[in-house]
């Protein structure tokens, strides 16, 4: 499991951790039953507070991505990957619709919009 924390990101560290674990589960990089590092071990590895990693794990558990067994640790929960990808695709479609509305308000051409997307994707 690989997690990269960016101090330049506007997202809080716990959200960065949870988001990266969530994406690795959705993309099949972390399979059902995979044993996650302990909260303390992950905090030490990432050089962040135990409270920060606990909050990330709590969010993931609340969302159903992981489950915790007392005395054993946290594990990736059984997932319906197709359903999760469909939900994420729906969110993406809503975001793109909003983006297109803003582009229309700014009277951007299709070429200008594609150029902007390309620039952002390269970052």
PDB file of N, CA and C in Angstrom:
ATOM      1  N   UNK A   1       0.849  -1.166   0.000  1.00  0.00           N
ATOM      2  CA  UNK A   1       0.000   0.000   0.000  1.00  0.00           C
ATOM      3  C   UNK A   1       0.900   1.237   0.000  1.00  0.00           C
ATOM      4  N   UNK A   2       0.624   2.131  -0.921  1.00  0.00           N
ATOM      5  CA  UNK A   2       1.438   3.339  -1.048  1.00  0.00           C
ATOM      6  C   UNK A   2       0.564   4.562  -0.833  1.00  0.00           C
ATOM      7  N   UNK A   3       1.010   5.433   0.067  1.00  0.00           N
ATOM      8  CA  UNK A   3       0.290   6.671   0.345  1.00  0.00           C
ATOM      9  C   UNK A   3       1.292   7.818   0.314  1.00  0.00           C
ATOM     10  N   UNK A   4       0.932   8.863  -0.410  1.00  0.00           N
ATOM     11  CA  UNK A   4       1.795  10.043  -0.511  1.00  0.00           C
ATOM     12  C   UNK A   4       1.020  11.238   0.033  1.00  0.00           C
ATOM     13  N   UNK A   5       1.598  11.885   1.027  1.00  0.00           N
ATOM     14  CA  UNK A   5       0.979  13.061   1.635  1.00  0.00           C
ATOM     15  C   UNK A   5       1.569  14.314   0.994  1.00  0.00           C
ATOM     16  N   UNK A   6       0.688  15.229   0.623  1.00  0.00           N
ATOM     17  CA  UNK A   6       1.132  16.489   0.038  1.00  0.00           C
ATOM     18  C   UNK A   6       0.779  17.629   0.986  1.00  0.00           C
ATOM     19  N   UNK A   7       1.798  18.308   1.463  1.00  0.00           N
ATOM     20  CA  UNK A   7       1.560  19.468   2.331  1.00  0.00           C
ATOM     21  C   UNK A   7       1.007  20.646   1.532  1.00  0.00           C
ATOM     22  N   UNK A   8       1.173  20.611   0.227  1.00  0.00           N
ATOM     23  CA  UNK A   8       0.677  21.686  -0.634  1.00  0.00           C
ATOM     24  C   UNK A   8      -0.813  21.531  -0.933  1.00  0.00           C
ATOM     25  N   UNK A   9      -1.362  20.350  -0.659  1.00  0.00           N
ATOM     26  CA  UNK A   9      -2.762  20.085  -0.957  1.00  0.00           C
ATOM     27  C   UNK A   9      -3.679  20.848  -0.010  1.00  0.00           C
ATOM     28  N   UNK A  10      -4.812  21.275  -0.530  1.00  0.00           N
ATOM     29  CA  UNK A  10      -5.813  21.949   0.300  1.00  0.00           C
ATOM     30  C   UNK A  10      -6.574  20.949   1.163  1.00  0.00           C
ATOM     31  N   UNK A  11      -6.546  19.671   0.767  1.00  0.00           N
ATOM     32  CA  UNK A  11      -7.258  18.631   1.507  1.00  0.00           C
ATOM     33  C   UNK A  11      -6.517  18.303   2.804  1.00  0.00           C
ATOM     34  N   UNK A  12      -7.269  18.116   3.892  1.00  0.00           N
ATOM     35  CA  UNK A  12      -6.628  17.716   5.136  1.00  0.00           C
ATOM     36  C   UNK A  12      -5.909  16.371   4.974  1.00  0.00           C
ATOM     37  N   UNK A  13      -4.924  16.124   5.802  1.00  0.00           N
ATOM     38  CA  UNK A  13      -4.112  14.909   5.680  1.00  0.00           C
ATOM     39  C   UNK A  13      -4.965  13.655   5.831  1.00  0.00           C
ATOM     40  N   UNK A  14      -5.908  13.646   6.784  1.00  0.00           N
ATOM     41  CA  UNK A  14      -6.739  12.446   6.965  1.00  0.00           C
ATOM     42  C   UNK A  14      -7.546  12.154   5.712  1.00  0.00           C
ATOM     43  N   UNK A  15      -8.003  13.195   5.007  1.00  0.00           N
ATOM     44  CA  UNK A  15      -8.751  12.991   3.760  1.00  0.00           C
ATOM     45  C   UNK A  15      -7.832  12.464   2.665  1.00  0.00           C
ATOM     46  N   UNK A  16      -6.600  12.931   2.621  1.00  0.00           N
ATOM     47  CA  UNK A  16      -5.637  12.428   1.637  1.00  0.00           C
ATOM     48  C   UNK A  16      -5.393  10.939   1.857  1.00  0.00           C
ATOM     49  N   UNK A  17      -5.232  10.553   3.116  1.00  0.00           N
ATOM     50  CA  UNK A  17      -4.992   9.138   3.438  1.00  0.00           C
ATOM     51  C   UNK A  17      -6.205   8.300   3.050  1.00  0.00           C
ATOM     52  N   UNK A  18      -7.384   8.715   3.512  1.00  0.00           N
ATOM     53  CA  UNK A  18      -8.608   7.964   3.234  1.00  0.00           C
ATOM     54  C   UNK A  18      -8.868   7.875   1.727  1.00  0.00           C
ATOM     55  N   UNK A  19      -8.676   8.977   1.021  1.00  0.00           N
ATOM     56  CA  UNK A  19      -8.920   9.008  -0.418  1.00  0.00           C
ATOM     57  C   UNK A  19      -8.004   8.043  -1.167  1.00  0.00           C
ATOM     58  N   UNK A  20      -6.734   8.031  -0.791  1.00  0.00           N
ATOM     59  CA  UNK A  20      -5.784   7.150  -1.482  1.00  0.00           C
ATOM     60  C   UNK A  20      -6.065   5.677  -1.193  1.00  0.00           C
ATOM     61  N   UNK A  21      -6.425   5.361   0.050  1.00  0.00           N
ATOM     62  CA  UNK A  21      -6.781   3.969   0.369  1.00  0.00           C
ATOM     63  C   UNK A  21      -8.058   3.585  -0.371  1.00  0.00           C
ATOM     64  N   UNK A  22      -9.054   4.481  -0.347  1.00  0.00           N
ATOM     65  CA  UNK A  22     -10.323   4.233  -1.040  1.00  0.00           C
ATOM     66  C   UNK A  22     -10.082   3.966  -2.527  1.00  0.00           C
ATOM     67  N   UNK A  23      -9.250   4.794  -3.162  1.00  0.00           N
ATOM     68  CA  UNK A  23      -8.977   4.620  -4.590  1.00  0.00           C
ATOM     69  C   UNK A  23      -8.247   3.306  -4.866  1.00  0.00           C
ATOM     70  N   UNK A  24      -7.338   2.923  -3.980  1.00  0.00           N
ATOM     71  CA  UNK A  24      -6.632   1.656  -4.171  1.00  0.00           C
ATOM     72  C   UNK A  24      -7.580   0.468  -4.032  1.00  0.00           C
ATOM     73  N   UNK A  25      -8.586   0.594  -3.176  1.00  0.00           N
ATOM     74  CA  UNK A  25      -9.590  -0.469  -3.039  1.00  0.00           C
ATOM     75  C   UNK A  25     -10.453  -0.522  -4.295  1.00  0.00           C
ATOM     76  N   UNK A  26     -10.942   0.640  -4.731  1.00  0.00           N
ATOM     77  CA  UNK A  26     -11.810   0.706  -5.915  1.00  0.00           C
ATOM     78  C   UNK A  26     -11.085   0.185  -7.150  1.00  0.00           C
ATOM     79  N   UNK A  27      -9.800   0.518  -7.279  1.00  0.00           N
ATOM     80  CA  UNK A  27      -9.038   0.097  -8.457  1.00  0.00           C
ATOM     81  C   UNK A  27      -8.492  -1.323  -8.344  1.00  0.00           C
ATOM     82  N   UNK A  28      -8.817  -2.023  -7.266  1.00  0.00           N
ATOM     83  CA  UNK A  28      -8.424  -3.418  -7.119  1.00  0.00           C
ATOM     84  C   UNK A  28      -6.994  -3.635  -6.665  1.00  0.00           C
ATOM     85  N   UNK A  29      -6.306  -2.573  -6.266  1.00  0.00           N
ATOM     86  CA  UNK A  29      -4.926  -2.722  -5.797  1.00  0.00           C
ATOM     87  C   UNK A  29      -4.886  -3.281  -4.380  1.00  0.00           C
ATOM     88  N   UNK A  30      -5.934  -3.031  -3.615  1.00  0.00           N
ATOM     89  CA  UNK A  30      -6.084  -3.614  -2.281  1.00  0.00           C
ATOM     90  C   UNK A  30      -7.327  -4.496  -2.314  1.00  0.00           C
ATOM     91  N   UNK A  31      -7.126  -5.776  -2.172  1.00  0.00           N
ATOM     92  CA  UNK A  31      -8.231  -6.723  -2.302  1.00  0.00           C
ATOM     93  C   UNK A  31      -8.907  -6.983  -0.964  1.00  0.00           C
ATOM     94  N   UNK A  32     -10.108  -7.520  -1.046  1.00  0.00           N
ATOM     95  CA  UNK A  32     -10.878  -7.873   0.135  1.00  0.00           C
ATOM     96  C   UNK A  32     -10.043  -8.767   1.053  1.00  0.00           C
ATOM     97  N   UNK A  33     -10.043  -8.438   2.340  1.00  0.00           N
ATOM     98  CA  UNK A  33      -9.294  -9.214   3.315  1.00  0.00           C
ATOM     99  C   UNK A  33      -7.881  -8.722   3.549  1.00  0.00           C
ATOM    100  N   UNK A  34      -7.398  -7.820   2.705  1.00  0.00           N
ATOM    101  CA  UNK A  34      -6.043  -7.289   2.860  1.00  0.00           C
ATOM    102  C   UNK A  34      -5.926  -6.630   4.237  1.00  0.00           C
ATOM    103  N   UNK A  35      -4.860  -6.945   4.951  1.00  0.00           N
ATOM    104  CA  UNK A  35      -4.617  -6.393   6.272  1.00  0.00           C
ATOM    105  C   UNK A  35      -3.903  -5.045   6.150  1.00  0.00           C
ATOM    106  N   UNK A  36      -4.578  -4.000   6.587  1.00  0.00           N
ATOM    107  CA  UNK A  36      -3.995  -2.660   6.552  1.00  0.00           C
ATOM    108  C   UNK A  36      -2.989  -2.519   7.695  1.00  0.00           C
ATOM    109  N   UNK A  37      -2.027  -1.622   7.548  1.00  0.00           N
ATOM    110  CA  UNK A  37      -1.100  -1.367   8.656  1.00  0.00           C
ATOM    111  C   UNK A  37      -1.894  -0.855   9.862  1.00  0.00           C
ATOM    112  N   UNK A  38      -1.377  -1.104  11.051  1.00  0.00           N
ATOM    113  CA  UNK A  38      -2.051  -0.569  12.238  1.00  0.00           C
ATOM    114  C   UNK A  38      -2.059   0.950  12.155  1.00  0.00           C
ATOM    115  N   UNK A  39      -2.956   1.546  12.907  1.00  0.00           N
ATOM    116  CA  UNK A  39      -3.061   3.003  12.931  1.00  0.00           C
ATOM    117  C   UNK A  39      -1.729   3.617  13.343  1.00  0.00           C
ATOM    118  N   UNK A  40      -1.109   3.037  14.372  1.00  0.00           N
ATOM    119  CA  UNK A  40       0.171   3.556  14.864  1.00  0.00           C
ATOM    120  C   UNK A  40       1.282   3.378  13.831  1.00  0.00           C
ATOM    121  N   UNK A  41       1.321   2.206  13.203  1.00  0.00           N
ATOM    122  CA  UNK A  41       2.372   1.944  12.211  1.00  0.00           C
ATOM    123  C   UNK A  41       2.252   2.893  11.021  1.00  0.00           C
ATOM    124  N   UNK A  42       1.025   3.111  10.554  1.00  0.00           N
ATOM    125  CA  UNK A  42       0.821   4.008   9.420  1.00  0.00           C
ATOM    126  C   UNK A  42       1.173   5.446   9.805  1.00  0.00           C
ATOM    127  N   UNK A  43       0.785   5.849  11.009  1.00  0.00           N
ATOM    128  CA  UNK A  43       1.115   7.201  11.473  1.00  0.00           C
ATOM    129  C   UNK A  43       2.626   7.393  11.514  1.00  0.00           C
ATOM    130  N   UNK A  44       3.328   6.382  12.002  1.00  0.00           N
ATOM    131  CA  UNK A  44       4.792   6.473  12.082  1.00  0.00           C
ATOM    132  C   UNK A  44       5.403   6.525  10.682  1.00  0.00           C
ATOM    133  N   UNK A  45       4.912   5.670   9.792  1.00  0.00           N
ATOM    134  CA  UNK A  45       5.435   5.627   8.418  1.00  0.00           C
ATOM    135  C   UNK A  45       5.228   6.954   7.693  1.00  0.00           C
ATOM    136  N   UNK A  46       4.044   7.551   7.878  1.00  0.00           N
ATOM    137  CA  UNK A  46       3.716   8.802   7.183  1.00  0.00           C
ATOM    138  C   UNK A  46       4.176  10.033   7.962  1.00  0.00           C
ATOM    139  N   UNK A  47       4.656   9.813   9.161  1.00  0.00           N
ATOM    140  CA  UNK A  47       5.093  10.893  10.048  1.00  0.00           C
ATOM    141  C   UNK A  47       3.965  11.894  10.308  1.00  0.00           C
ATOM    142  N   UNK A  48       2.808  11.321  10.683  1.00  0.00           N
ATOM    143  CA  UNK A  48       1.647  12.126  11.042  1.00  0.00           C
ATOM    144  C   UNK A  48       1.123  11.650  12.394  1.00  0.00           C
ATOM    145  N   UNK A  49       0.158  12.358  12.921  1.00  0.00           N
ATOM    146  CA  UNK A  49      -0.439  12.028  14.207  1.00  0.00           C
ATOM    147  C   UNK A  49      -1.259  10.737  14.127  1.00  0.00           C
ATOM    148  N   UNK A  50      -1.283  10.007  15.225  1.00  0.00           N
ATOM    149  CA  UNK A  50      -2.126   8.808  15.321  1.00  0.00           C
ATOM    150  C   UNK A  50      -3.593   9.211  15.168  1.00  0.00           C
ATOM    151  N   UNK A  51      -3.956  10.372  15.685  1.00  0.00           N
ATOM    152  CA  UNK A  51      -5.330  10.863  15.570  1.00  0.00           C
ATOM    153  C   UNK A  51      -5.709  11.051  14.099  1.00  0.00           C
ATOM    154  N   UNK A  52      -4.766  11.509  13.298  1.00  0.00           N
ATOM    155  CA  UNK A  52      -5.005  11.718  11.861  1.00  0.00           C
ATOM    156  C   UNK A  52      -5.292  10.394  11.164  1.00  0.00           C
ATOM    157  N   UNK A  53      -4.461   9.385  11.408  1.00  0.00           N
ATOM    158  CA  UNK A  53      -4.681   8.090  10.756  1.00  0.00           C
ATOM    159  C   UNK A  53      -5.948   7.425  11.286  1.00  0.00           C
ATOM    160  N   UNK A  54      -6.237   7.607  12.574  1.00  0.00           N
ATOM    161  CA  UNK A  54      -7.465   7.028  13.138  1.00  0.00           C
ATOM    162  C   UNK A  54      -8.688   7.631  12.466  1.00  0.00           C
ATOM    163  N   UNK A  55      -8.657   8.933  12.240  1.00  0.00           N
ATOM    164  CA  UNK A  55      -9.795   9.585  11.584  1.00  0.00           C
ATOM    165  C   UNK A  55      -9.976   9.049  10.161  1.00  0.00           C
ATOM    166  N   UNK A  56      -8.873   8.846   9.440  1.00  0.00           N
ATOM    167  CA  UNK A  56      -8.958   8.299   8.081  1.00  0.00           C
ATOM    168  C   UNK A  56      -9.570   6.896   8.122  1.00  0.00           C
ATOM    169  N   UNK A  57      -9.088   6.052   9.034  1.00  0.00           N
ATOM    170  CA  UNK A  57      -9.615   4.685   9.158  1.00  0.00           C
ATOM    171  C   UNK A  57     -11.090   4.714   9.567  1.00  0.00           C
ATOM    172  N   UNK A  58     -11.452   5.612  10.509  1.00  0.00           N
ATOM    173  CA  UNK A  58     -12.854   5.717  10.933  1.00  0.00           C
ATOM    174  C   UNK A  58     -13.756   6.090   9.762  1.00  0.00           C
ATOM    175  N   UNK A  59     -13.309   7.047   8.944  1.00  0.00           N
ATOM    176  CA  UNK A  59     -14.093   7.446   7.766  1.00  0.00           C
ATOM    177  C   UNK A  59     -14.258   6.270   6.805  1.00  0.00           C
ATOM    178  N   UNK A  60     -13.162   5.552   6.554  1.00  0.00           N
ATOM    179  CA  UNK A  60     -13.220   4.407   5.639  1.00  0.00           C
ATOM    180  C   UNK A  60     -14.133   3.312   6.175  1.00  0.00           C
ATOM    181  N   UNK A  61     -14.116   3.119   7.485  1.00  0.00           N
ATOM    182  CA  UNK A  61     -14.988   2.097   8.075  1.00  0.00           C
ATOM    183  C   UNK A  61     -16.449   2.525   7.989  1.00  0.00           C
ATOM    184  N   UNK A  62     -16.706   3.788   8.261  1.00  0.00           N
ATOM    185  CA  UNK A  62     -18.065   4.310   8.180  1.00  0.00           C
ATOM    186  C   UNK A  62     -18.614   4.181   6.750  1.00  0.00           C
ATOM    187  N   UNK A  63     -17.748   4.351   5.756  1.00  0.00           N
ATOM    188  CA  UNK A  63     -18.150   4.249   4.350  1.00  0.00           C
ATOM    189  C   UNK A  63     -18.225   2.795   3.874  1.00  0.00           C
ATOM    190  N   UNK A  64     -17.782   1.859   4.704  1.00  0.00           N
ATOM    191  CA  UNK A  64     -17.863   0.447   4.348  1.00  0.00           C
ATOM    192  C   UNK A  64     -16.686  -0.084   3.553  1.00  0.00           C
ATOM    193  N   UNK A  65     -15.600   0.672   3.467  1.00  0.00           N
ATOM    194  CA  UNK A  65     -14.433   0.218   2.718  1.00  0.00           C
ATOM    195  C   UNK A  65     -13.549  -0.721   3.531  1.00  0.00           C
ATOM    196  N   UNK A  66     -13.523  -0.527   4.847  1.00  0.00           N
ATOM    197  CA  UNK A  66     -12.720  -1.405   5.700  1.00  0.00           C
ATOM    198  C   UNK A  66     -13.562  -1.827   6.897  1.00  0.00           C
ATOM    199  N   UNK A  67     -13.101  -2.863   7.586  1.00  0.00           N
ATOM    200  CA  UNK A  67     -13.715  -3.247   8.848  1.00  0.00           C
ATOM    201  C   UNK A  67     -12.588  -3.553   9.826  1.00  0.00           C
ATOM    202  N   UNK A  68     -12.857  -3.295  11.101  1.00  0.00           N
ATOM    203  CA  UNK A  68     -11.850  -3.476  12.131  1.00  0.00           C
ATOM    204  C   UNK A  68     -12.283  -4.587  13.074  1.00  0.00           C
ATOM    205  N   UNK A  69     -11.342  -5.454  13.389  1.00  0.00           N
ATOM    206  CA  UNK A  69     -11.571  -6.540  14.332  1.00  0.00           C
ATOM    207  C   UNK A  69     -10.714  -6.240  15.554  1.00  0.00           C
ATOM    208  N   UNK A  70     -11.361  -6.130  16.702  1.00  0.00           N
ATOM    209  CA  UNK A  70     -10.637  -5.800  17.935  1.00  0.00           C
ATOM    210  C   UNK A  70      -9.505  -6.796  18.165  1.00  0.00           C
ATOM    211  N   UNK A  71      -8.320  -6.257  18.405  1.00  0.00           N
ATOM    212  CA  UNK A  71      -7.157  -7.082  18.690  1.00  0.00           C
ATOM    213  C   UNK A  71      -6.498  -7.687  17.457  1.00  0.00           C
ATOM    214  N   UNK A  72      -7.121  -7.552  16.294  1.00  0.00           N
ATOM    215  CA  UNK A  72      -6.581  -8.146  15.061  1.00  0.00           C
ATOM    216  C   UNK A  72      -6.134  -7.089  14.056  1.00  0.00           C
ATOM    217  N   UNK A  73      -6.869  -5.969  13.983  1.00  0.00           N
ATOM    218  CA  UNK A  73      -6.508  -4.925  13.044  1.00  0.00           C
ATOM    219  C   UNK A  73      -7.631  -4.558  12.102  1.00  0.00           C
ATOM    220  N   UNK A  74      -7.274  -3.800  11.081  1.00  0.00           N
ATOM    221  CA  UNK A  74      -8.234  -3.327  10.076  1.00  0.00           C
ATOM    222  C   UNK A  74      -7.976  -4.033   8.752  1.00  0.00           C
ATOM    223  N   UNK A  75      -9.067  -4.388   8.085  1.00  0.00           N
ATOM    224  CA  UNK A  75      -8.984  -5.155   6.850  1.00  0.00           C
ATOM    225  C   UNK A  75      -9.889  -4.539   5.791  1.00  0.00           C
ATOM    226  N   UNK A  76      -9.513  -4.732   4.528  1.00  0.00           N
ATOM    227  CA  UNK A  76     -10.357  -4.279   3.418  1.00  0.00           C
ATOM    228  C   UNK A  76     -11.623  -5.126   3.425  1.00  0.00           C
ATOM    229  N   UNK A  77     -12.759  -4.464   3.396  1.00  0.00           N
ATOM    230  CA  UNK A  77     -14.054  -5.146   3.414  1.00  0.00           C
ATOM    231  C   UNK A  77     -14.403  -5.668   2.028  1.00  0.00           C
ATOM    232  N   UNK A  78     -15.330  -6.615   1.989  1.00  0.00           N
ATOM    233  CA  UNK A  78     -15.866  -7.117   0.722  1.00  0.00           C
ATOM    234  C   UNK A  78     -16.492  -5.939  -0.006  1.00  0.00           C
ATOM    235  N   UNK A  79     -16.203  -5.801  -1.284  1.00  0.00           N
ATOM    236  CA  UNK A  79     -16.694  -4.652  -2.045  1.00  0.00           C
ATOM    237  C   UNK A  79     -17.386  -5.095  -3.321  1.00  0.00           C
ATOM    238  N   UNK A  80     -18.366  -4.315  -3.716  1.00  0.00           N
ATOM    239  CA  UNK A  80     -18.952  -4.459  -5.038  1.00  0.00           C
ATOM    240  C   UNK A  80     -18.288  -3.377  -5.897  1.00  0.00           C
ATOM    241  N   UNK A  81     -17.151  -3.750  -6.499  1.00  0.00           N
ATOM    242  CA  UNK A  81     -16.313  -2.797  -7.227  1.00  0.00           C
ATOM    243  C   UNK A  81     -17.096  -2.116  -8.356  1.00  0.00           C
ATOM    244  N   UNK A  82     -17.911  -2.883  -9.077  1.00  0.00           N
ATOM    245  CA  UNK A  82     -18.670  -2.288 -10.184  1.00  0.00           C
ATOM    246  C   UNK A  82     -19.614  -1.204  -9.678  1.00  0.00           C
ATOM    247  N   UNK A  83     -20.269  -1.460  -8.552  1.00  0.00           N
ATOM    248  CA  UNK A  83     -21.187  -0.482  -7.986  1.00  0.00           C
ATOM    249  C   UNK A  83     -20.425   0.758  -7.532  1.00  0.00           C
ATOM    250  N   UNK A  84     -19.269   0.574  -6.899  1.00  0.00           N
ATOM    251  CA  UNK A  84     -18.480   1.709  -6.438  1.00  0.00           C
ATOM    252  C   UNK A  84     -17.981   2.547  -7.613  1.00  0.00           C
ATOM    253  N   UNK A  85     -17.540   1.880  -8.679  1.00  0.00           N
ATOM    254  CA  UNK A  85     -17.074   2.620  -9.855  1.00  0.00           C
ATOM    255  C   UNK A  85     -18.235   3.384 -10.491  1.00  0.00           C
ATOM    256  N   UNK A  86     -19.414   2.781 -10.498  1.00  0.00           N
ATOM    257  CA  UNK A  86     -20.592   3.441 -11.065  1.00  0.00           C
ATOM    258  C   UNK A  86     -20.930   4.702 -10.265  1.00  0.00           C
ATOM    259  N   UNK A  87     -20.845   4.614  -8.949  1.00  0.00           N
ATOM    260  CA  UNK A  87     -21.110   5.783  -8.102  1.00  0.00           C
ATOM    261  C   UNK A  87     -20.097   6.886  -8.386  1.00  0.00           C
ATOM    262  N   UNK A  88     -18.830   6.485  -8.508  1.00  0.00           N
ATOM    263  CA  UNK A  88     -17.787   7.472  -8.784  1.00  0.00           C
ATOM    264  C   UNK A  88     -17.984   8.098 -10.160  1.00  0.00           C
ATOM    265  N   UNK A  89     -18.401   7.292 -11.136  1.00  0.00           N
ATOM    266  CA  UNK A  89     -18.667   7.800 -12.478  1.00  0.00           C
ATOM    267  C   UNK A  89     -19.820   8.799 -12.454  1.00  0.00           C
ATOM    268  N   UNK A  90     -20.845   8.518 -11.660  1.00  0.00           N
ATOM    269  CA  UNK A  90     -21.969   9.457 -11.531  1.00  0.00           C
ATOM    270  C   UNK A  90     -21.503  10.785 -10.949  1.00  0.00           C
ATOM    271  N   UNK A  91     -20.625  10.743  -9.949  1.00  0.00           N
ATOM    272  CA  UNK A  91     -20.085  11.972  -9.373  1.00  0.00           C
ATOM    273  C   UNK A  91     -19.271  12.739 -10.412  1.00  0.00           C
ATOM    274  N   UNK A  92     -18.481  12.000 -11.204  1.00  0.00           N
ATOM    275  CA  UNK A  92     -17.672  12.626 -12.244  1.00  0.00           C
ATOM    276  C   UNK A  92     -18.565  13.305 -13.280  1.00  0.00           C
ATOM    277  N   UNK A  93     -19.635  12.630 -13.684  1.00  0.00           N
ATOM    278  CA  UNK A  93     -20.556  13.211 -14.662  1.00  0.00           C
ATOM    279  C   UNK A  93     -21.178  14.499 -14.134  1.00  0.00           C
ATOM    280  N   UNK A  94     -21.554  14.511 -12.856  1.00  0.00           N
ATOM    281  CA  UNK A  94     -22.131  15.721 -12.258  1.00  0.00           C
ATOM    282  C   UNK A  94     -21.110  16.851 -12.242  1.00  0.00           C
ATOM    283  N   UNK A  95     -19.869  16.522 -11.928  1.00  0.00           N
ATOM    284  CA  UNK A  95     -18.812  17.530 -11.897  1.00  0.00           C
ATOM    285  C   UNK A  95     -18.542  18.077 -13.288  1.00  0.00           C
ATOM    286  N   UNK A  96     -18.514  17.202 -14.283  1.00  0.00           N
ATOM    287  CA  UNK A  96     -18.281  17.635 -15.665  1.00  0.00           C
ATOM    288  C   UNK A  96     -19.438  18.520 -16.145  1.00  0.00           C
ATOM    289  N   UNK A  97     -20.657  18.163 -15.794  1.00  0.00           N
ATOM    290  CA  UNK A  97     -21.817  18.981 -16.162  1.00  0.00           C
ATOM    291  C   UNK A  97     -21.689  20.376 -15.580  1.00  0.00           C
ATOM    292  N   UNK A  98     -21.285  20.449 -14.324  1.00  0.00           N
ATOM    293  CA  UNK A  98     -21.082  21.744 -13.674  1.00  0.00           C
ATOM    294  C   UNK A  98     -19.955  22.521 -14.363  1.00  0.00           C
ATOM    295  N   UNK A  99     -18.883  21.820 -14.717  1.00  0.00           N
ATOM    296  CA  UNK A  99     -17.754  22.443 -15.399  1.00  0.00           C
ATOM    297  C   UNK A  99     -18.197  23.003 -16.760  1.00  0.00           C
ATOM    298  N   UNK A 100     -18.993  22.244 -17.486  1.00  0.00           N
ATOM    299  CA  UNK A 100     -19.467  22.692 -18.798  1.00  0.00           C
ATOM    300  C   UNK A 100     -20.360  23.929 -18.676  1.00  0.00           C
ATOM    301  N   UNK A 101     -21.178  23.971 -17.627  1.00  0.00           N
ATOM    302  CA  UNK A 101     -22.014  25.149 -17.403  1.00  0.00           C
ATOM    303  C   UNK A 101     -21.153  26.379 -17.144  1.00  0.00           C
ATOM    304  N   UNK A 102     -20.099  26.218 -16.349  1.00  0.00           N
ATOM    305  CA  UNK A 102     -19.193  27.330 -16.072  1.00  0.00           C
ATOM    306  C   UNK A 102     -18.454  27.753 -17.338  1.00  0.00           C
ATOM    307  N   UNK A 103     -18.051  26.781 -18.139  1.00  0.00           N
ATOM    308  CA  UNK A 103     -17.358  27.088 -19.393  1.00  0.00           C
ATOM    309  C   UNK A 103     -18.278  27.882 -20.320  1.00  0.00           C
ATOM    310  N   UNK A 104     -19.560  27.510 -20.359  1.00  0.00           N
ATOM    311  CA  UNK A 104     -20.528  28.252 -21.173  1.00  0.00           C
ATOM    312  C   UNK A 104     -20.683  29.682 -20.672  1.00  0.00           C
ATOM    313  N   UNK A 105     -20.725  29.845 -19.348  1.00  0.00           N
ATOM    314  CA  UNK A 105     -20.846  31.183 -18.771  1.00  0.00           C
ATOM    315  C   UNK A 105     -19.644  32.057 -19.140  1.00  0.00           C
ATOM    316  N   UNK A 106     -18.476  31.426 -19.222  1.00  0.00           N
ATOM    317  CA  UNK A 106     -17.249  32.143 -19.580  1.00  0.00           C
ATOM    318  C   UNK A 106     -17.061  32.253 -21.090  1.00  0.00           C
ATOM    319  N   UNK A 107     -17.973  31.627 -21.842  1.00  0.00           N
ATOM    320  CA  UNK A 107     -17.933  31.598 -23.294  1.00  0.00           C
ATOM    321  C   UNK A 107     -16.626  31.016 -23.820  1.00  0.00           C
ATOM    322  N   UNK A 108     -16.154  29.943 -23.149  1.00  0.00           N
ATOM    323  CA  UNK A 108     -14.945  29.250 -23.606  1.00  0.00           C
ATOM    324  C   UNK A 108     -15.283  28.389 -24.817  1.00  0.00           C
ATOM    325  N   UNK A 109     -14.389  28.351 -25.768  1.00  0.00           N
ATOM    326  CA  UNK A 109     -14.566  27.447 -26.901  1.00  0.00           C
ATOM    327  C   UNK A 109     -14.209  26.032 -26.452  1.00  0.00           C
ATOM    328  N   UNK A 110     -14.595  25.073 -27.252  1.00  0.00           N
ATOM    329  CA  UNK A 110     -14.264  23.685 -26.957  1.00  0.00           C
ATOM    330  C   UNK A 110     -12.748  23.505 -26.897  1.00  0.00           C
ATOM    331  N   UNK A 111     -12.053  24.161 -27.797  1.00  0.00           N
ATOM    332  CA  UNK A 111     -10.593  24.063 -27.845  1.00  0.00           C
ATOM    333  C   UNK A 111      -9.956  24.634 -26.578  1.00  0.00           C
ATOM    334  N   UNK A 112     -10.472  25.789 -26.121  1.00  0.00           N
ATOM    335  CA  UNK A 112      -9.939  26.405 -24.900  1.00  0.00           C
ATOM    336  C   UNK A 112     -10.190  25.511 -23.678  1.00  0.00           C
ATOM    337  N   UNK A 113     -11.363  24.913 -23.648  1.00  0.00           N
ATOM    338  CA  UNK A 113     -11.697  24.022 -22.548  1.00  0.00           C
ATOM    339  C   UNK A 113     -10.798  22.784 -22.547  1.00  0.00           C
ATOM    340  N   UNK A 114     -10.605  22.183 -23.706  1.00  0.00           N
ATOM    341  CA  UNK A 114      -9.734  21.007 -23.805  1.00  0.00           C
ATOM    342  C   UNK A 114      -8.295  21.356 -23.437  1.00  0.00           C
ATOM    343  N   UNK A 115      -7.853  22.540 -23.835  1.00  0.00           N
ATOM    344  CA  UNK A 115      -6.504  22.979 -23.507  1.00  0.00           C
ATOM    345  C   UNK A 115      -6.343  23.129 -21.988  1.00  0.00           C
ATOM    346  N   UNK A 116      -7.358  23.694 -21.359  1.00  0.00           N
ATOM    347  CA  UNK A 116      -7.340  23.851 -19.903  1.00  0.00           C
ATOM    348  C   UNK A 116      -7.302  22.489 -19.208  1.00  0.00           C
ATOM    349  N   UNK A 117      -8.109  21.572 -19.674  1.00  0.00           N
ATOM    350  CA  UNK A 117      -8.132  20.219 -19.096  1.00  0.00           C
ATOM    351  C   UNK A 117      -6.774  19.559 -19.271  1.00  0.00           C
ATOM    352  N   UNK A 118      -6.195  19.679 -20.446  1.00  0.00           N
ATOM    353  CA  UNK A 118      -4.877  19.083 -20.723  1.00  0.00           C
ATOM    354  C   UNK A 118      -3.803  19.655 -19.806  1.00  0.00           C
ATOM    355  N   UNK A 119      -3.818  20.969 -19.605  1.00  0.00           N
ATOM    356  CA  UNK A 119      -2.862  21.607 -18.712  1.00  0.00           C
ATOM    357  C   UNK A 119      -3.001  21.095 -17.278  1.00  0.00           C
ATOM    358  N   UNK A 120      -4.226  20.997 -16.828  1.00  0.00           N
ATOM    359  CA  UNK A 120      -4.464  20.520 -15.469  1.00  0.00           C
ATOM    360  C   UNK A 120      -4.092  19.048 -15.302  1.00  0.00           C
ATOM    361  N   UNK A 121      -4.311  18.266 -16.322  1.00  0.00           N
ATOM    362  CA  UNK A 121      -3.989  16.833 -16.257  1.00  0.00           C
ATOM    363  C   UNK A 121      -2.476  16.623 -16.184  1.00  0.00           C
ATOM    364  N   UNK A 122      -1.711  17.515 -16.805  1.00  0.00           N
ATOM    365  CA  UNK A 122      -0.253  17.393 -16.812  1.00  0.00           C
ATOM    366  C   UNK A 122       0.365  17.747 -15.470  1.00  0.00           C
ATOM    367  N   UNK A 123      -0.361  18.482 -14.631  1.00  0.00           N
ATOM    368  CA  UNK A 123       0.169  18.896 -13.324  1.00  0.00           C
ATOM    369  C   UNK A 123       0.271  17.768 -12.358  1.00  0.00           C
TER     370      UNK A 123
END
